[in-house]
Every structure is written in structure tokens, then in C-alpha cells.
């Protein structure tokens, strides 16, 4: 059986390199046969893609998608510093 840190590294690499995700800032934790994705993403579809890529990278594990979707707002007015 592969060590948990190696599985986590494999999944993180897949999330960074896969054309569907290209995500670097996600924390991947492996405990036993459970894999946890934690962090923030910018949309529900991106969240689902992250779970798909993680499941493909570690099909032997049960993926828990704990990623939070955050709203990215358009920049408002320029900030003025006095």
C-alpha cells in the first residue's frame, strides 16, 4: 500500500496538471481509505471537476469534497488613499 503522503502528492500533482482544474492551492489529506479536499474554488462546476480529477488520481480512496465555493466579484471603484 502506498504511503498517504505519496497519495496526497499524486492527487495534488493531478489537480495542478489536469487541463480541467489547474489548481495549486488545494490541501489534500489522506487518512486510511479517505481523501479530503480542502480549500476554496471559484465555482460549483470547478468544485465538481476537482472531485472528479482527485477520484481519477486515487480511485482506491473515498473522496470527501470539502472545497468551498467563493464568489469572485468584479473590481469596483478604484481605491483612493489620502
PDB file of N, CA and C in Angstrom:
ATOM      1  N   UNK A   1       0.847  -1.194   0.000  1.00  0.00           N
ATOM      2  CA  UNK A   1       0.000   0.000   0.000  1.00  0.00           C
ATOM      3  C   UNK A   1       0.888   1.251   0.000  1.00  0.00           C
ATOM      4  N   UNK A   2       0.511   2.211  -0.802  1.00  0.00           N
ATOM      5  CA  UNK A   2       1.267   3.450  -0.942  1.00  0.00           C
ATOM      6  C   UNK A   2       1.085   4.333   0.299  1.00  0.00           C
ATOM      7  N   UNK A   3       2.153   4.978   0.749  1.00  0.00           N
ATOM      8  CA  UNK A   3       2.089   5.851   1.920  1.00  0.00           C
ATOM      9  C   UNK A   3       1.147   7.021   1.655  1.00  0.00           C
ATOM     10  N   UNK A   4       0.395   7.443   2.684  1.00  0.00           N
ATOM     11  CA  UNK A   4      -0.588   8.526   2.492  1.00  0.00           C
ATOM     12  C   UNK A   4      -0.004   9.797   1.891  1.00  0.00           C
ATOM     13  N   UNK A   5       1.210  10.174   2.304  1.00  0.00           N
ATOM     14  CA  UNK A   5       1.778  11.422   1.774  1.00  0.00           C
ATOM     15  C   UNK A   5       2.072  11.313   0.282  1.00  0.00           C
ATOM     16  N   UNK A   6       2.379  10.106  -0.193  1.00  0.00           N
ATOM     17  CA  UNK A   6       2.619   9.923  -1.627  1.00  0.00           C
ATOM     18  C   UNK A   6       1.316   9.991  -2.410  1.00  0.00           C
ATOM     19  N   UNK A   7       0.263   9.426  -1.836  1.00  0.00           N
ATOM     20  CA  UNK A   7      -1.057   9.506  -2.483  1.00  0.00           C
ATOM     21  C   UNK A   7      -1.491  10.967  -2.560  1.00  0.00           C
ATOM     22  N   UNK A   8      -1.338  11.704  -1.454  1.00  0.00           N
ATOM     23  CA  UNK A   8      -1.718  13.119  -1.426  1.00  0.00           C
ATOM     24  C   UNK A   8      -0.922  13.907  -2.463  1.00  0.00           C
ATOM     25  N   UNK A   9       0.379  13.638  -2.561  1.00  0.00           N
ATOM     26  CA  UNK A   9       1.219  14.335  -3.542  1.00  0.00           C
ATOM     27  C   UNK A   9       0.777  14.005  -4.963  1.00  0.00           C
ATOM     28  N   UNK A  10       0.414  12.745  -5.210  1.00  0.00           N
ATOM     29  CA  UNK A  10      -0.051  12.338  -6.543  1.00  0.00           C
ATOM     30  C   UNK A  10      -1.332  13.086  -6.917  1.00  0.00           C
ATOM     31  N   UNK A  11      -2.248  13.196  -5.952  1.00  0.00           N
ATOM     32  CA  UNK A  11      -3.513  13.890  -6.214  1.00  0.00           C
ATOM     33  C   UNK A  11      -3.263  15.387  -6.413  1.00  0.00           C
ATOM     34  N   UNK A  12      -2.413  15.990  -5.595  1.00  0.00           N
ATOM     35  CA  UNK A  12      -2.111  17.416  -5.758  1.00  0.00           C
ATOM     36  C   UNK A  12      -1.482  17.684  -7.119  1.00  0.00           C
ATOM     37  N   UNK A  13      -0.603  16.806  -7.553  1.00  0.00           N
ATOM     38  CA  UNK A  13       0.021  16.963  -8.867  1.00  0.00           C
ATOM     39  C   UNK A  13      -1.042  16.865  -9.964  1.00  0.00           C
ATOM     40  N   UNK A  14      -1.966  15.909  -9.833  1.00  0.00           N
ATOM     41  CA  UNK A  14      -3.031  15.758 -10.818  1.00  0.00           C
ATOM     42  C   UNK A  14      -3.904  17.017 -10.877  1.00  0.00           C
ATOM     43  N   UNK A  15      -4.229  17.583  -9.716  1.00  0.00           N
ATOM     44  CA  UNK A  15      -5.049  18.798  -9.684  1.00  0.00           C
ATOM     45  C   UNK A  15      -4.327  19.970 -10.333  1.00  0.00           C
ATOM     46  N   UNK A  16      -3.006  20.023 -10.175  1.00  0.00           N
ATOM     47  CA  UNK A  16      -2.222  21.113 -10.756  1.00  0.00           C
ATOM     48  C   UNK A  16      -2.048  20.952 -12.258  1.00  0.00           C
ATOM     49  N   UNK A  17      -1.912  19.718 -12.733  1.00  0.00           N
ATOM     50  CA  UNK A  17      -1.553  19.477 -14.127  1.00  0.00           C
ATOM     51  C   UNK A  17      -2.727  19.188 -15.048  1.00  0.00           C
ATOM     52  N   UNK A  18      -3.861  18.761 -14.501  1.00  0.00           N
ATOM     53  CA  UNK A  18      -5.006  18.401 -15.341  1.00  0.00           C
ATOM     54  C   UNK A  18      -5.592  19.655 -16.000  1.00  0.00           C
ATOM     55  N   UNK A  19      -5.894  19.566 -17.296  1.00  0.00           N
ATOM     56  CA  UNK A  19      -6.453  20.703 -18.031  1.00  0.00           C
ATOM     57  C   UNK A  19      -7.793  21.175 -17.473  1.00  0.00           C
ATOM     58  N   UNK A  20      -8.510  20.294 -16.781  1.00  0.00           N
ATOM     59  CA  UNK A  20      -9.819  20.671 -16.237  1.00  0.00           C
ATOM     60  C   UNK A  20      -9.713  21.502 -14.967  1.00  0.00           C
ATOM     61  N   UNK A  21      -8.578  21.428 -14.288  1.00  0.00           N
ATOM     62  CA  UNK A  21      -8.501  22.063 -12.979  1.00  0.00           C
ATOM     63  C   UNK A  21      -7.399  23.106 -12.856  1.00  0.00           C
ATOM     64  N   UNK A  22      -6.155  22.770 -13.146  1.00  0.00           N
ATOM     65  CA  UNK A  22      -5.012  23.684 -12.995  1.00  0.00           C
ATOM     66  C   UNK A  22      -5.053  24.400 -11.650  1.00  0.00           C
ATOM     67  N   UNK A  23      -5.160  23.661 -10.588  1.00  0.00           N
ATOM     68  CA  UNK A  23      -5.327  24.246  -9.261  1.00  0.00           C
ATOM     69  C   UNK A  23      -4.152  23.883  -8.361  1.00  0.00           C
ATOM     70  N   UNK A  24      -3.534  24.899  -7.779  1.00  0.00           N
ATOM     71  CA  UNK A  24      -2.371  24.678  -6.918  1.00  0.00           C
ATOM     72  C   UNK A  24      -2.684  24.817  -5.431  1.00  0.00           C
ATOM     73  N   UNK A  25      -3.694  25.581  -5.072  1.00  0.00           N
ATOM     74  CA  UNK A  25      -3.888  25.943  -3.672  1.00  0.00           C
ATOM     75  C   UNK A  25      -4.830  25.050  -2.884  1.00  0.00           C
ATOM     76  N   UNK A  26      -4.948  23.791  -3.245  1.00  0.00           N
ATOM     77  CA  UNK A  26      -5.874  22.893  -2.559  1.00  0.00           C
ATOM     78  C   UNK A  26      -5.098  21.980  -1.623  1.00  0.00           C
ATOM     79  N   UNK A  27      -5.610  21.835  -0.409  1.00  0.00           N
ATOM     80  CA  UNK A  27      -4.991  20.919   0.548  1.00  0.00           C
ATOM     81  C   UNK A  27      -5.604  19.534   0.373  1.00  0.00           C
ATOM     82  N   UNK A  28      -4.761  18.535   0.274  1.00  0.00           N
ATOM     83  CA  UNK A  28      -5.195  17.146   0.114  1.00  0.00           C
ATOM     84  C   UNK A  28      -4.715  16.373   1.336  1.00  0.00           C
ATOM     85  N   UNK A  29      -5.645  15.804   2.073  1.00  0.00           N
ATOM     86  CA  UNK A  29      -5.310  14.988   3.252  1.00  0.00           C
ATOM     87  C   UNK A  29      -5.795  13.570   3.014  1.00  0.00           C
ATOM     88  N   UNK A  30      -4.946  12.597   3.337  1.00  0.00           N
ATOM     89  CA  UNK A  30      -5.315  11.190   3.209  1.00  0.00           C
ATOM     90  C   UNK A  30      -5.264  10.562   4.592  1.00  0.00           C
ATOM     91  N   UNK A  31      -6.376   9.919   4.967  1.00  0.00           N
ATOM     92  CA  UNK A  31      -6.443   9.187   6.238  1.00  0.00           C
ATOM     93  C   UNK A  31      -7.097   7.839   5.965  1.00  0.00           C
ATOM     94  N   UNK A  32      -6.291   6.800   6.041  1.00  0.00           N
ATOM     95  CA  UNK A  32      -6.820   5.463   5.739  1.00  0.00           C
ATOM     96  C   UNK A  32      -7.257   5.407   4.292  1.00  0.00           C
ATOM     97  N   UNK A  33      -8.524   5.030   4.080  1.00  0.00           N
ATOM     98  CA  UNK A  33      -9.048   4.963   2.709  1.00  0.00           C
ATOM     99  C   UNK A  33      -9.874   6.199   2.360  1.00  0.00           C
ATOM    100  N   UNK A  34      -9.672   7.282   3.104  1.00  0.00           N
ATOM    101  CA  UNK A  34     -10.422   8.520   2.903  1.00  0.00           C
ATOM    102  C   UNK A  34      -9.481   9.614   2.396  1.00  0.00           C
ATOM    103  N   UNK A  35      -9.947  10.380   1.414  1.00  0.00           N
ATOM    104  CA  UNK A  35      -9.183  11.504   0.883  1.00  0.00           C
ATOM    105  C   UNK A  35     -10.047  12.755   1.029  1.00  0.00           C
ATOM    106  N   UNK A  36      -9.463  13.798   1.604  1.00  0.00           N
ATOM    107  CA  UNK A  36     -10.190  15.040   1.851  1.00  0.00           C
ATOM    108  C   UNK A  36      -9.603  16.156   1.010  1.00  0.00           C
ATOM    109  N   UNK A  37     -10.473  16.865   0.286  1.00  0.00           N
ATOM    110  CA  UNK A  37     -10.077  18.050  -0.472  1.00  0.00           C
ATOM    111  C   UNK A  37     -10.548  19.264   0.315  1.00  0.00           C
ATOM    112  N   UNK A  38      -9.609  20.174   0.619  1.00  0.00           N
ATOM    113  CA  UNK A  38      -9.969  21.358   1.399  1.00  0.00           C
ATOM    114  C   UNK A  38      -9.363  22.591   0.749  1.00  0.00           C
ATOM    115  N   UNK A  39     -10.126  23.664   0.772  1.00  0.00           N
ATOM    116  CA  UNK A  39      -9.660  24.917   0.205  1.00  0.00           C
ATOM    117  C   UNK A  39     -10.826  25.660  -0.418  1.00  0.00           C
ATOM    118  N   UNK A  40     -10.505  26.601  -1.288  1.00  0.00           N
ATOM    119  CA  UNK A  40     -11.532  27.420  -1.917  1.00  0.00           C
ATOM    120  C   UNK A  40     -11.377  27.394  -3.433  1.00  0.00           C
ATOM    121  N   UNK A  41     -12.519  27.351  -4.098  1.00  0.00           N
ATOM    122  CA  UNK A  41     -12.555  27.401  -5.558  1.00  0.00           C
ATOM    123  C   UNK A  41     -13.579  28.452  -5.970  1.00  0.00           C
ATOM    124  N   UNK A  42     -13.575  28.817  -7.255  1.00  0.00           N
ATOM    125  CA  UNK A  42     -14.383  29.946  -7.694  1.00  0.00           C
ATOM    126  C   UNK A  42     -15.717  29.574  -8.334  1.00  0.00           C
ATOM    127  N   UNK A  43     -16.110  28.321  -8.294  1.00  0.00           N
ATOM    128  CA  UNK A  43     -17.403  27.977  -8.864  1.00  0.00           C
ATOM    129  C   UNK A  43     -17.763  26.526  -8.587  1.00  0.00           C
ATOM    130  N   UNK A  44     -19.053  26.238  -8.632  1.00  0.00           N
ATOM    131  CA  UNK A  44     -19.538  24.886  -8.335  1.00  0.00           C
ATOM    132  C   UNK A  44     -19.037  23.875  -9.367  1.00  0.00           C
ATOM    133  N   UNK A  45     -19.004  24.264 -10.636  1.00  0.00           N
ATOM    134  CA  UNK A  45     -18.517  23.343 -11.663  1.00  0.00           C
ATOM    135  C   UNK A  45     -17.040  23.027 -11.441  1.00  0.00           C
ATOM    136  N   UNK A  46     -16.259  24.027 -11.072  1.00  0.00           N
ATOM    137  CA  UNK A  46     -14.835  23.808 -10.783  1.00  0.00           C
ATOM    138  C   UNK A  46     -14.691  22.870  -9.579  1.00  0.00           C
ATOM    139  N   UNK A  47     -15.543  23.044  -8.605  1.00  0.00           N
ATOM    140  CA  UNK A  47     -15.544  22.177  -7.412  1.00  0.00           C
ATOM    141  C   UNK A  47     -15.780  20.714  -7.812  1.00  0.00           C
ATOM    142  N   UNK A  48     -16.764  20.494  -8.682  1.00  0.00           N
ATOM    143  CA  UNK A  48     -17.067  19.125  -9.141  1.00  0.00           C
ATOM    144  C   UNK A  48     -15.911  18.553  -9.959  1.00  0.00           C
ATOM    145  N   UNK A  49     -15.287  19.376 -10.804  1.00  0.00           N
ATOM    146  CA  UNK A  49     -14.152  18.910 -11.606  1.00  0.00           C
ATOM    147  C   UNK A  49     -12.995  18.495 -10.699  1.00  0.00           C
ATOM    148  N   UNK A  50     -12.761  19.250  -9.629  1.00  0.00           N
ATOM    149  CA  UNK A  50     -11.689  18.919  -8.690  1.00  0.00           C
ATOM    150  C   UNK A  50     -11.928  17.538  -8.091  1.00  0.00           C
ATOM    151  N   UNK A  51     -13.171  17.277  -7.706  1.00  0.00           N
ATOM    152  CA  UNK A  51     -13.503  15.970  -7.130  1.00  0.00           C
ATOM    153  C   UNK A  51     -13.281  14.860  -8.155  1.00  0.00           C
ATOM    154  N   UNK A  52     -13.688  15.102  -9.406  1.00  0.00           N
ATOM    155  CA  UNK A  52     -13.516  14.104 -10.464  1.00  0.00           C
ATOM    156  C   UNK A  52     -12.043  13.768 -10.684  1.00  0.00           C
ATOM    157  N   UNK A  53     -11.219  14.802 -10.777  1.00  0.00           N
ATOM    158  CA  UNK A  53      -9.791  14.596 -11.019  1.00  0.00           C
ATOM    159  C   UNK A  53      -9.162  13.852  -9.841  1.00  0.00           C
ATOM    160  N   UNK A  54      -9.527  14.225  -8.618  1.00  0.00           N
ATOM    161  CA  UNK A  54      -8.992  13.548  -7.436  1.00  0.00           C
ATOM    162  C   UNK A  54      -9.403  12.075  -7.425  1.00  0.00           C
ATOM    163  N   UNK A  55     -10.647  11.789  -7.779  1.00  0.00           N
ATOM    164  CA  UNK A  55     -11.126  10.407  -7.802  1.00  0.00           C
ATOM    165  C   UNK A  55     -10.387   9.592  -8.855  1.00  0.00           C
ATOM    166  N   UNK A  56     -10.110  10.206 -10.002  1.00  0.00           N
ATOM    167  CA  UNK A  56      -9.367   9.507 -11.051  1.00  0.00           C
ATOM    168  C   UNK A  56      -7.923   9.252 -10.627  1.00  0.00           C
ATOM    169  N   UNK A  57      -7.341  10.198  -9.882  1.00  0.00           N
ATOM    170  CA  UNK A  57      -5.945  10.068  -9.456  1.00  0.00           C
ATOM    171  C   UNK A  57      -5.782   9.046  -8.331  1.00  0.00           C
ATOM    172  N   UNK A  58      -6.835   8.853  -7.541  1.00  0.00           N
ATOM    173  CA  UNK A  58      -6.778   7.911  -6.411  1.00  0.00           C
ATOM    174  C   UNK A  58      -8.085   7.126  -6.342  1.00  0.00           C
ATOM    175  N   UNK A  59      -8.329   6.253  -7.332  1.00  0.00           N
ATOM    176  CA  UNK A  59      -9.617   5.549  -7.395  1.00  0.00           C
ATOM    177  C   UNK A  59      -9.856   4.598  -6.228  1.00  0.00           C
ATOM    178  N   UNK A  60      -8.778   4.256  -5.510  1.00  0.00           N
ATOM    179  CA  UNK A  60      -8.924   3.334  -4.383  1.00  0.00           C
ATOM    180  C   UNK A  60      -9.458   4.026  -3.126  1.00  0.00           C
ATOM    181  N   UNK A  61      -9.553   5.354  -3.156  1.00  0.00           N
ATOM    182  CA  UNK A  61      -9.972   6.106  -1.971  1.00  0.00           C
ATOM    183  C   UNK A  61     -11.359   6.709  -2.141  1.00  0.00           C
ATOM    184  N   UNK A  62     -12.011   6.936  -1.006  1.00  0.00           N
ATOM    185  CA  UNK A  62     -13.297   7.644  -0.993  1.00  0.00           C
ATOM    186  C   UNK A  62     -13.004   9.128  -0.835  1.00  0.00           C
ATOM    187  N   UNK A  63     -13.435   9.941  -1.810  1.00  0.00           N
ATOM    188  CA  UNK A  63     -13.129  11.372  -1.812  1.00  0.00           C
ATOM    189  C   UNK A  63     -14.213  12.146  -1.072  1.00  0.00           C
ATOM    190  N   UNK A  64     -13.781  12.967  -0.125  1.00  0.00           N
ATOM    191  CA  UNK A  64     -14.666  13.894   0.583  1.00  0.00           C
ATOM    192  C   UNK A  64     -14.351  15.286   0.065  1.00  0.00           C
ATOM    193  N   UNK A  65     -15.295  15.865  -0.650  1.00  0.00           N
ATOM    194  CA  UNK A  65     -15.086  17.177  -1.251  1.00  0.00           C
ATOM    195  C   UNK A  65     -15.544  18.247  -0.267  1.00  0.00           C
ATOM    196  N   UNK A  66     -14.593  18.828   0.448  1.00  0.00           N
ATOM    197  CA  UNK A  66     -14.899  19.873   1.423  1.00  0.00           C
ATOM    198  C   UNK A  66     -14.499  21.251   0.897  1.00  0.00           C
ATOM    199  N   UNK A  67     -14.362  21.356  -0.416  1.00  0.00           N
ATOM    200  CA  UNK A  67     -13.990  22.624  -1.033  1.00  0.00           C
ATOM    201  C   UNK A  67     -15.136  23.624  -0.901  1.00  0.00           C
ATOM    202  N   UNK A  68     -14.797  24.861  -0.613  1.00  0.00           N
ATOM    203  CA  UNK A  68     -15.793  25.923  -0.501  1.00  0.00           C
ATOM    204  C   UNK A  68     -15.782  26.751  -1.774  1.00  0.00           C
ATOM    205  N   UNK A  69     -16.980  27.082  -2.242  1.00  0.00           N
ATOM    206  CA  UNK A  69     -17.106  27.941  -3.413  1.00  0.00           C
ATOM    207  C   UNK A  69     -17.164  29.385  -2.920  1.00  0.00           C
ATOM    208  N   UNK A  70     -16.268  30.213  -3.439  1.00  0.00           N
ATOM    209  CA  UNK A  70     -16.259  31.632  -3.085  1.00  0.00           C
ATOM    210  C   UNK A  70     -16.647  32.445  -4.308  1.00  0.00           C
ATOM    211  N   UNK A  71     -17.304  33.538  -4.053  1.00  0.00           N
ATOM    212  CA  UNK A  71     -17.725  34.418  -5.139  1.00  0.00           C
ATOM    213  C   UNK A  71     -16.587  35.368  -5.468  1.00  0.00           C
ATOM    214  N   UNK A  72     -16.269  35.443  -6.736  1.00  0.00           N
ATOM    215  CA  UNK A  72     -15.254  36.391  -7.183  1.00  0.00           C
ATOM    216  C   UNK A  72     -16.003  37.575  -7.767  1.00  0.00           C
ATOM    217  N   UNK A  73     -15.811  38.724  -7.171  1.00  0.00           N
ATOM    218  CA  UNK A  73     -16.523  39.916  -7.630  1.00  0.00           C
ATOM    219  C   UNK A  73     -15.657  40.694  -8.602  1.00  0.00           C
ATOM    220  N   UNK A  74     -16.335  41.384  -9.483  1.00  0.00           N
ATOM    221  CA  UNK A  74     -15.625  42.282 -10.383  1.00  0.00           C
ATOM    222  C   UNK A  74     -15.046  43.420  -9.550  1.00  0.00           C
ATOM    223  N   UNK A  75     -13.894  43.892  -9.919  1.00  0.00           N
ATOM    224  CA  UNK A  75     -13.341  45.018  -9.163  1.00  0.00           C
ATOM    225  C   UNK A  75     -14.287  46.207  -9.218  1.00  0.00           C
ATOM    226  N   UNK A  76     -14.438  46.869  -8.082  1.00  0.00           N
ATOM    227  CA  UNK A  76     -15.318  48.045  -8.022  1.00  0.00           C
ATOM    228  C   UNK A  76     -14.539  49.285  -8.367  1.00  0.00           C
ATOM    229  N   UNK A  77     -14.879  50.354  -7.707  1.00  0.00           N
ATOM    230  CA  UNK A  77     -14.185  51.613  -7.944  1.00  0.00           C
ATOM    231  C   UNK A  77     -12.758  51.518  -7.474  1.00  0.00           C
ATOM    232  N   UNK A  78     -11.913  52.363  -8.044  1.00  0.00           N
ATOM    233  CA  UNK A  78     -10.531  52.422  -7.602  1.00  0.00           C
ATOM    234  C   UNK A  78     -10.472  52.859  -6.141  1.00  0.00           C
ATOM    235  N   UNK A  79      -9.556  52.276  -5.434  1.00  0.00           N
ATOM    236  CA  UNK A  79      -9.369  52.668  -4.051  1.00  0.00           C
ATOM    237  C   UNK A  79      -8.506  53.927  -4.016  1.00  0.00           C
ATOM    238  N   UNK A  80      -8.936  54.898  -3.228  1.00  0.00           N
ATOM    239  CA  UNK A  80      -8.191  56.159  -3.115  1.00  0.00           C
ATOM    240  C   UNK A  80      -7.615  56.254  -1.721  1.00  0.00           C
ATOM    241  N   UNK A  81      -6.304  56.408  -1.656  1.00  0.00           N
ATOM    242  CA  UNK A  81      -5.635  56.569  -0.375  1.00  0.00           C
ATOM    243  C   UNK A  81      -5.278  58.034  -0.200  1.00  0.00           C
ATOM    244  N   UNK A  82      -5.644  58.582   0.960  1.00  0.00           N
ATOM    245  CA  UNK A  82      -5.347  60.009   1.217  1.00  0.00           C
ATOM    246  C   UNK A  82      -4.010  60.157   1.889  1.00  0.00           C
TER     247      UNK A  82
END
